[in-house]
Amino acid sequence: MNATTIWLLERQDFDALLEALTARGYTLIGPRVRDGAIVYDRIQSSTDLPVGWTDKQEGGTYRLHRRDDPALFGYAVGPQSWKQWLFPPTLRLWRAVRTEAGDFTVETPPLPDTAYAFIGVRACELAALAVQDRVFLEGPYVDPYYRALRERLFLLAVNCTQPGGTCFCASMQTGPCVTSGFDLALTEVLEADQHYFIVTAGSETGRAVLADVPHREARPDEVAAANARLQAAATQMKRHLDCNGLKDLLYDCYEHPRWDEVARRCLSCANCTMVCPTCFCHTVEDVTDLTGQTAERIRQWDSCFSVAFSYLHGGSVRQSTRARYRQWLTHKLATWIDQFGVTGCVGCGRCITWCPVGIDLTEEVAALRSTYQPIHPDDRKTTA
């Protein structure tokens, strides 16, 4: 199989692709409709996917609607991200049990050996996985749980042909077209009585899986039809984030009055960090049972919007909503770059959609920029 060839997979053969992954031992995780949203969960066949569903998103608003066609991936992104499967919300690190002799034995859970196949990963979400890889795999300390799952992961990506109302991945150069980090990438095309997927392979594993599935080389007109949908998606995005000099802008606006204005609206509920595909803040808690016979250390998601998150001896460092929102936005778009070399935002728009009061980070940055007065680098604050 030529590595540069572009292939075509007919809709009726899509289940054969899922079956090929299952036969190789992968547990399929994909989008499905549940509780009025498109979430990521275990699937078995294309009937589990959100066939014929789309979503309408704006600030603080998310609704599902029926499409006029049977598209499998005709939606943007929902409230969940793929990180929950690699970086679970709650994880037991160890458990200590008192013995009859009065001392303790410590039990460490085995590392997971599950091989996941993520079905329908968008370009912005691939970018988010790359950010999480930098956090958990490329620093001086590697997360063994994350690594065990990531090394076995198969990524079936889907190019985005219908952005949501809060998407701005084009501004972040993370979409709508996937460019790297995938095993197989699909572009769904529906026109007249045709329904097919244009397929490119991004790894040897992807090519081997595709070889087990009926497919053929795509014709130039079929590839052109897919590319036209991708180009249209990039121009349909309603939101834009000007990233020019963004890091210095946020450092220079540390005392800007806009933080007070957004703090009056912010509920400090942490929704934005929970739905974000790149946020990785967590806390560790020790729990003992009432008998004193067992103790556990639990890692669970936390948020910089929590007052207790920045608690040091004597109290919280960021007691006001103003300080916490400033910390979140400045870390996401500025100090994250200093830490990991990339921005912490991929433009998926989830934080805008799932904010109860519709706070839009693109609007907040634009408001700061409208009255921006650069300061000397020596006078600049680099922490929030």
Protein backbone atom coordinates (compact mmCIF):
# COMPACT_ATOMS: atom_id res chain seq x y z
CA MET A 1 0.00 0.00 0.00
CA ASN A 2 1.44 3.33 -1.10
CA ALA A 3 1.92 5.62 1.90
CA THR A 4 0.95 8.72 -0.11
CA THR A 5 -2.16 7.31 -1.78
CA ILE A 6 -5.56 8.75 -0.90
CA TRP A 7 -8.22 6.10 -0.50
CA LEU A 8 -11.99 5.88 -0.52
CA LEU A 9 -14.09 3.90 1.95
CA GLU A 10 -17.77 3.46 1.17
CA ARG A 11 -20.28 4.08 3.96
CA GLN A 12 -21.46 0.45 3.85
CA ASP A 13 -17.89 -0.65 4.64
CA PHE A 14 -17.43 1.62 7.65
CA ASP A 15 -18.52 -1.12 10.04
CA ALA A 16 -15.89 -3.39 8.53
CA LEU A 17 -13.33 -0.81 9.67
CA LEU A 18 -14.68 -0.93 13.22
CA GLU A 19 -14.70 -4.73 13.09
CA ALA A 20 -11.07 -4.75 11.93
CA LEU A 21 -10.11 -2.66 14.95
CA THR A 22 -12.09 -4.89 17.31
CA ALA A 23 -10.44 -7.98 15.82
CA ARG A 24 -7.06 -6.49 16.67
CA GLY A 25 -8.06 -6.20 20.32
CA TYR A 26 -9.02 -2.54 20.48
CA THR A 27 -11.81 -1.27 22.73
CA LEU A 28 -13.76 1.22 20.64
CA ILE A 29 -14.50 4.63 22.15
CA GLY A 30 -16.58 6.95 20.04
CA PRO A 31 -19.34 9.57 19.96
CA ARG A 32 -22.89 8.66 20.85
CA VAL A 33 -26.04 10.51 21.87
CA ARG A 34 -26.83 10.45 25.58
CA ASP A 35 -28.73 12.81 27.86
CA GLY A 36 -29.22 15.40 25.14
CA ALA A 37 -25.55 15.65 24.18
CA ILE A 38 -22.94 13.89 22.07
CA VAL A 39 -20.54 12.19 24.47
CA TYR A 40 -17.64 9.76 24.16
CA ASP A 41 -18.34 6.23 25.32
CA ARG A 42 -17.85 2.61 24.34
CA ILE A 43 -19.33 1.70 20.97
CA GLN A 44 -19.57 -1.48 18.91
CA SER A 45 -20.88 -0.45 15.51
CA SER A 46 -21.93 2.57 13.46
CA THR A 47 -25.47 2.28 14.86
CA ASP A 48 -24.08 3.57 18.16
CA LEU A 49 -22.81 6.76 16.50
CA PRO A 50 -24.86 10.01 16.33
CA VAL A 51 -26.19 9.17 12.86
CA GLY A 52 -28.17 12.08 11.47
CA TRP A 53 -27.55 14.36 14.47
CA THR A 54 -25.88 17.76 14.67
CA ASP A 55 -25.36 20.34 17.40
CA LYS A 56 -26.06 24.05 17.63
CA GLN A 57 -23.67 25.90 19.92
CA GLU A 58 -23.30 29.45 21.14
CA GLY A 59 -22.08 31.01 24.37
CA GLY A 60 -23.79 29.11 27.19
CA THR A 61 -25.99 27.18 24.74
CA TYR A 62 -25.86 23.62 23.39
CA ARG A 63 -28.71 21.80 21.64
CA LEU A 64 -28.96 18.73 19.43
CA HIS A 65 -30.93 18.86 16.19
CA ARG A 66 -31.76 16.37 13.49
CA ARG A 67 -29.90 16.69 10.20
CA ASP A 68 -31.38 16.25 6.76
CA ASP A 69 -28.92 13.45 6.00
CA PRO A 70 -27.50 10.32 7.70
CA ALA A 71 -24.04 11.75 8.40
CA LEU A 72 -22.07 9.86 11.04
CA PHE A 73 -19.90 12.81 12.07
CA GLY A 74 -22.02 15.84 11.22
CA TYR A 75 -21.50 17.68 14.51
CA ALA A 76 -18.76 19.71 16.18
CA VAL A 77 -17.61 18.68 19.68
CA GLY A 78 -19.57 17.89 22.83
CA PRO A 79 -18.99 18.51 26.54
CA GLN A 80 -16.47 15.71 26.95
CA SER A 81 -12.92 15.40 25.68
CA TRP A 82 -10.81 12.32 25.08
CA LYS A 83 -8.59 13.11 28.07
CA GLN A 84 -11.04 11.38 30.42
CA TRP A 85 -9.94 8.02 29.00
CA LEU A 86 -6.19 8.68 29.36
CA PHE A 87 -6.25 11.00 32.37
CA PRO A 88 -9.32 9.79 34.31
CA PRO A 89 -11.21 12.16 36.62
CA THR A 90 -10.53 9.88 39.60
CA LEU A 91 -7.64 7.45 39.99
CA ARG A 92 -6.50 5.46 43.02
CA LEU A 93 -2.73 5.72 43.32
CA TRP A 94 -2.29 3.25 46.16
CA ARG A 95 -4.09 1.55 49.03
CA ALA A 96 -2.62 0.67 52.44
CA VAL A 97 -4.11 -2.12 54.56
CA ARG A 98 -3.33 -2.75 58.24
CA THR A 99 -2.07 -6.26 58.96
CA GLU A 100 -2.64 -8.40 62.04
CA ALA A 101 0.90 -7.54 63.15
CA GLY A 102 -0.06 -3.86 63.31
CA ASP A 103 1.90 -2.58 60.34
CA PHE A 104 0.69 -1.84 56.79
CA THR A 105 0.99 -3.41 53.39
CA VAL A 106 0.78 -1.07 50.44
CA GLU A 107 -1.09 -2.18 47.32
CA THR A 108 -0.43 -0.36 44.05
CA PRO A 109 -2.96 -0.93 41.27
CA PRO A 110 -1.48 -2.49 38.13
CA LEU A 111 -1.00 -0.27 35.12
CA PRO A 112 -3.80 -0.55 32.55
CA ASP A 113 -3.30 -2.82 29.57
CA THR A 114 -6.37 -1.73 27.59
CA ALA A 115 -5.84 -0.81 23.96
CA TYR A 116 -8.29 1.95 23.06
CA ALA A 117 -9.28 3.03 19.57
CA PHE A 118 -10.68 6.57 19.59
CA ILE A 119 -13.23 6.95 16.80
CA GLY A 120 -13.95 10.40 15.37
CA VAL A 121 -11.13 12.50 16.81
CA ARG A 122 -11.16 16.05 15.42
CA ALA A 123 -8.11 18.12 14.50
CA CYS A 124 -8.41 20.35 17.56
CA GLU A 125 -8.60 17.25 19.75
CA LEU A 126 -5.47 15.77 18.19
CA ALA A 127 -3.74 19.04 19.02
CA ALA A 128 -5.04 18.75 22.58
CA LEU A 129 -3.67 15.20 22.87
CA ALA A 130 -0.29 16.50 21.72
CA VAL A 131 -0.43 19.11 24.50
CA GLN A 132 -1.28 16.45 27.07
CA ASP A 133 1.62 14.35 25.75
CA ARG A 134 3.97 17.24 26.52
CA VAL A 135 2.60 17.47 30.05
CA PHE A 136 2.52 13.79 30.95
CA LEU A 137 5.25 12.24 28.78
CA GLU A 138 7.90 14.79 27.80
CA GLY A 139 8.77 16.47 31.08
CA PRO A 140 11.17 15.30 33.78
CA TYR A 141 8.37 13.25 35.37
CA VAL A 142 6.36 10.81 33.28
CA ASP A 143 2.86 9.69 34.26
CA PRO A 144 3.02 5.87 33.98
CA TYR A 145 -0.78 5.45 33.83
CA TYR A 146 -1.11 7.90 30.93
CA ARG A 147 1.87 6.37 29.13
CA ALA A 148 0.51 2.82 29.42
CA LEU A 149 -2.71 3.83 27.67
CA ARG A 150 -1.16 6.27 25.19
CA GLU A 151 1.32 3.74 23.85
CA ARG A 152 -1.51 1.37 22.87
CA LEU A 153 -3.83 4.03 21.48
CA PHE A 154 -5.23 3.96 17.94
CA LEU A 155 -6.51 7.28 16.60
CA LEU A 156 -9.17 7.30 13.90
CA ALA A 157 -9.45 11.00 13.11
CA VAL A 158 -12.25 12.78 11.25
CA ASN A 159 -11.76 16.05 9.41
CA CYS A 160 -14.25 18.66 10.54
CA THR A 161 -16.61 19.80 7.79
CA GLN A 162 -19.13 21.53 10.05
CA PRO A 163 -17.68 23.77 12.77
CA GLY A 164 -19.77 24.71 15.79
CA GLY A 165 -20.87 28.21 16.65
CA THR A 166 -18.08 28.61 19.21
CA CYS A 167 -15.21 27.02 17.26
CA PHE A 168 -12.08 29.01 16.44
CA CYS A 169 -9.52 26.29 15.66
CA ALA A 170 -8.54 28.07 12.43
CA SER A 171 -7.19 30.94 14.58
CA MET A 172 -5.07 28.49 16.58
CA GLN A 173 -3.88 26.66 13.44
CA THR A 174 -5.18 23.40 14.89
CA GLY A 175 -7.95 22.67 12.38
CA PRO A 176 -10.31 22.01 10.79
CA CYS A 177 -8.09 19.62 8.82
CA VAL A 178 -5.97 17.05 10.63
CA THR A 179 -2.33 17.07 9.59
CA SER A 180 -0.51 14.74 11.98
CA GLY A 181 -0.78 12.56 15.04
CA PHE A 182 -3.33 10.08 13.65
CA ASP A 183 -3.36 6.50 12.41
CA LEU A 184 -6.20 6.96 9.92
CA ALA A 185 -7.98 10.19 8.96
CA LEU A 186 -11.40 10.34 7.31
CA THR A 187 -13.33 13.07 5.52
CA GLU A 188 -17.04 12.31 5.29
CA VAL A 189 -18.75 13.22 2.01
CA LEU A 190 -22.48 13.09 1.32
CA GLU A 191 -23.80 14.29 -2.03
CA ALA A 192 -26.82 13.11 -4.00
CA ASP A 193 -26.98 9.35 -3.45
CA GLN A 194 -23.30 9.02 -2.52
CA HIS A 195 -21.97 8.57 1.00
CA TYR A 196 -18.28 7.80 1.38
CA PHE A 197 -15.11 8.67 3.31
CA ILE A 198 -11.84 9.93 1.89
CA VAL A 199 -9.08 8.17 3.84
CA THR A 200 -5.43 8.94 4.48
CA ALA A 201 -3.09 6.81 6.57
CA GLY A 202 -0.78 8.41 9.12
CA SER A 203 1.01 5.34 10.47
CA GLU A 204 2.00 1.81 9.58
CA THR A 205 -0.62 0.56 12.03
CA GLY A 206 -3.26 2.58 10.24
CA ARG A 207 -2.22 1.21 6.87
CA ALA A 208 -2.34 -2.34 8.21
CA VAL A 209 -5.86 -1.85 9.56
CA LEU A 210 -7.05 -0.30 6.30
CA ALA A 211 -5.63 -3.26 4.38
CA ASP A 212 -8.19 -5.47 6.18
CA VAL A 213 -11.11 -3.34 4.96
CA PRO A 214 -12.69 -3.04 1.49
CA HIS A 215 -11.49 0.21 -0.08
CA ARG A 216 -10.17 1.65 -3.32
CA GLU A 217 -8.06 4.53 -4.54
CA ALA A 218 -10.02 7.78 -4.60
CA ARG A 219 -10.61 9.63 -7.84
CA PRO A 220 -9.50 13.28 -8.15
CA ASP A 221 -13.10 14.53 -8.20
CA GLU A 222 -13.87 12.64 -4.99
CA VAL A 223 -10.84 14.12 -3.27
CA ALA A 224 -11.81 17.57 -4.53
CA ALA A 225 -15.30 17.19 -3.06
CA ALA A 226 -13.78 16.42 0.35
CA ASN A 227 -11.30 19.29 0.14
CA ALA A 228 -14.08 21.74 -0.75
CA ARG A 229 -15.90 20.85 2.44
CA LEU A 230 -12.77 21.44 4.52
CA GLN A 231 -12.14 24.83 2.93
CA ALA A 232 -15.75 25.84 3.57
CA ALA A 233 -15.48 24.80 7.22
CA ALA A 234 -12.52 27.11 7.81
CA THR A 235 -14.43 30.11 6.47
CA GLN A 236 -17.63 29.34 8.40
CA MET A 237 -16.15 29.90 11.85
CA LYS A 238 -17.81 32.80 13.63
CA ARG A 239 -15.11 33.43 16.21
CA HIS A 240 -11.52 34.56 15.83
CA LEU A 241 -8.65 34.90 18.26
CA ASP A 242 -5.81 37.24 17.28
CA CYS A 243 -2.69 35.41 18.49
CA ASN A 244 -0.24 38.08 17.37
CA GLY A 245 1.83 39.04 20.43
CA LEU A 246 -0.75 37.37 22.65
CA LYS A 247 1.65 36.26 25.38
CA ASP A 248 3.09 39.74 25.91
CA LEU A 249 -0.40 41.23 25.74
CA LEU A 250 -1.57 39.15 28.70
CA TYR A 251 1.59 39.81 30.69
CA ASP A 252 1.21 43.55 30.11
CA CYS A 253 -2.49 43.55 31.07
CA TYR A 254 -2.01 41.97 34.47
CA GLU A 255 -3.72 44.91 36.22
CA HIS A 256 -6.23 45.68 33.47
CA PRO A 257 -9.74 46.71 34.69
CA ARG A 258 -11.28 44.16 32.29
CA TRP A 259 -10.53 41.45 34.89
CA ASP A 260 -12.98 43.15 37.27
CA GLU A 261 -15.65 43.28 34.56
CA VAL A 262 -15.40 39.58 33.70
CA ALA A 263 -15.25 38.66 37.40
CA ARG A 264 -18.70 40.21 37.89
CA ARG A 265 -20.09 37.67 35.42
CA CYS A 266 -17.93 34.64 36.21
CA LEU A 267 -19.50 32.11 38.60
CA SER A 268 -16.14 30.45 39.29
CA CYS A 269 -17.92 27.16 38.62
CA ALA A 270 -14.93 25.53 36.85
CA ASN A 271 -17.01 24.34 33.88
CA CYS A 272 -14.45 25.76 31.46
CA THR A 273 -11.62 23.72 32.97
CA MET A 274 -13.67 20.52 33.23
CA VAL A 275 -14.63 20.53 29.54
CA CYS A 276 -11.23 21.78 28.33
CA PRO A 277 -9.29 19.04 26.48
CA THR A 278 -5.89 20.32 27.66
CA CYS A 279 -6.41 21.31 31.32
CA PHE A 280 -4.59 18.90 33.59
CA CYS A 281 -4.87 20.40 37.09
CA HIS A 282 -5.52 17.82 39.77
CA THR A 283 -5.29 17.29 43.49
CA VAL A 284 -4.30 14.33 45.66
CA GLU A 285 -6.33 13.31 48.69
CA ASP A 286 -5.66 10.72 51.39
CA VAL A 287 -8.76 8.91 52.63
CA THR A 288 -8.97 6.61 55.66
CA ASP A 289 -11.91 4.37 56.51
CA LEU A 290 -13.72 4.68 59.85
CA THR A 291 -12.05 1.59 61.29
CA GLY A 292 -8.54 2.79 60.56
CA GLN A 293 -7.79 -0.45 58.73
CA THR A 294 -7.32 0.97 55.24
CA ALA A 295 -6.09 4.20 53.71
CA GLU A 296 -6.10 5.29 50.08
CA ARG A 297 -4.43 8.01 48.08
CA ILE A 298 -6.70 9.32 45.33
CA ARG A 299 -5.84 11.60 42.42
CA GLN A 300 -8.78 13.57 41.05
CA TRP A 301 -9.37 16.46 38.71
CA ASP A 302 -9.27 19.92 40.23
CA SER A 303 -9.46 23.43 38.85
CA CYS A 304 -7.68 26.75 39.25
CA PHE A 305 -11.17 28.20 39.77
CA SER A 306 -11.39 26.39 43.10
CA VAL A 307 -10.46 28.55 46.09
CA ALA A 308 -8.75 25.59 47.74
CA PHE A 309 -6.62 24.82 44.68
CA SER A 310 -4.12 27.58 45.48
CA TYR A 311 -4.27 27.07 49.24
CA LEU A 312 -0.94 27.48 50.97
CA HIS A 313 -0.17 27.78 54.65
CA GLY A 314 -2.37 30.61 55.86
CA GLY A 315 -4.94 30.64 53.06
CA SER A 316 -5.63 30.73 49.34
CA VAL A 317 -3.29 32.67 47.06
CA ARG A 318 -6.18 33.56 44.73
CA GLN A 319 -9.18 34.38 46.87
CA SER A 320 -11.04 36.53 44.34
CA THR A 321 -12.81 35.44 41.17
CA ARG A 322 -10.84 38.15 39.39
CA ALA A 323 -7.55 36.52 40.35
CA ARG A 324 -8.73 33.04 39.42
CA TYR A 325 -10.10 33.98 36.00
CA ARG A 326 -6.94 35.95 35.25
CA GLN A 327 -4.85 32.95 36.27
CA TRP A 328 -6.81 30.63 33.99
CA LEU A 329 -6.72 32.83 30.89
CA THR A 330 -3.12 33.96 31.37
CA HIS A 331 -1.91 30.41 31.96
CA LYS A 332 -3.87 29.04 29.01
CA LEU A 333 -2.62 31.60 26.50
CA ALA A 334 0.69 32.87 27.91
CA THR A 335 2.53 31.10 30.72
CA TRP A 336 1.65 27.74 29.16
CA ILE A 337 3.90 28.73 26.27
CA ASP A 338 6.76 29.34 28.69
CA GLN A 339 6.17 25.96 30.30
CA PHE A 340 5.56 23.72 27.29
CA GLY A 341 6.43 25.72 24.19
CA VAL A 342 2.84 25.77 22.89
CA THR A 343 -0.39 27.50 23.82
CA GLY A 344 -2.82 25.64 26.07
CA CYS A 345 -5.81 26.45 23.84
CA VAL A 346 -6.73 24.52 20.70
CA GLY A 347 -9.79 26.55 19.70
CA CYS A 348 -12.42 23.87 20.31
CA GLY A 349 -14.79 26.43 21.89
CA ARG A 350 -16.00 24.15 24.68
CA CYS A 351 -15.23 26.70 27.39
CA ILE A 352 -17.52 29.20 25.63
CA THR A 353 -20.37 26.77 25.00
CA TRP A 354 -20.41 25.29 28.49
CA CYS A 355 -19.94 28.52 30.45
CA PRO A 356 -23.32 29.07 32.17
CA VAL A 357 -23.09 32.83 31.55
CA GLY A 358 -21.52 32.60 28.09
CA ILE A 359 -18.13 34.17 28.83
CA ASP A 360 -16.14 34.11 25.59
CA LEU A 361 -12.36 34.12 25.87
CA THR A 362 -12.03 35.49 22.33
CA GLU A 363 -14.09 38.52 23.40
CA GLU A 364 -12.07 38.94 26.58
CA VAL A 365 -8.79 38.95 24.68
CA ALA A 366 -10.22 41.42 22.15
CA ALA A 367 -11.32 43.71 24.99
CA LEU A 368 -7.84 43.64 26.50
CA ARG A 369 -6.26 44.31 23.12
CA SER A 370 -8.53 47.29 22.41
CA THR A 371 -6.82 49.32 25.15
CA TYR A 372 -3.45 47.58 25.12
CA GLN A 373 -0.48 49.63 26.26
CA PRO A 374 2.80 47.67 25.98
CA ILE A 375 5.18 47.89 28.94
CA HIS A 376 8.89 47.27 29.24
CA PRO A 377 9.78 43.57 29.57
CA ASP A 378 11.66 44.22 32.85
CA ASP A 379 8.43 45.48 34.41
CA ARG A 380 6.30 42.63 33.13
CA LYS A 381 4.69 40.09 35.49
CA THR A 382 4.85 36.53 34.24
CA THR A 383 2.66 34.80 36.79
CA ALA A 384 -0.98 35.27 37.64
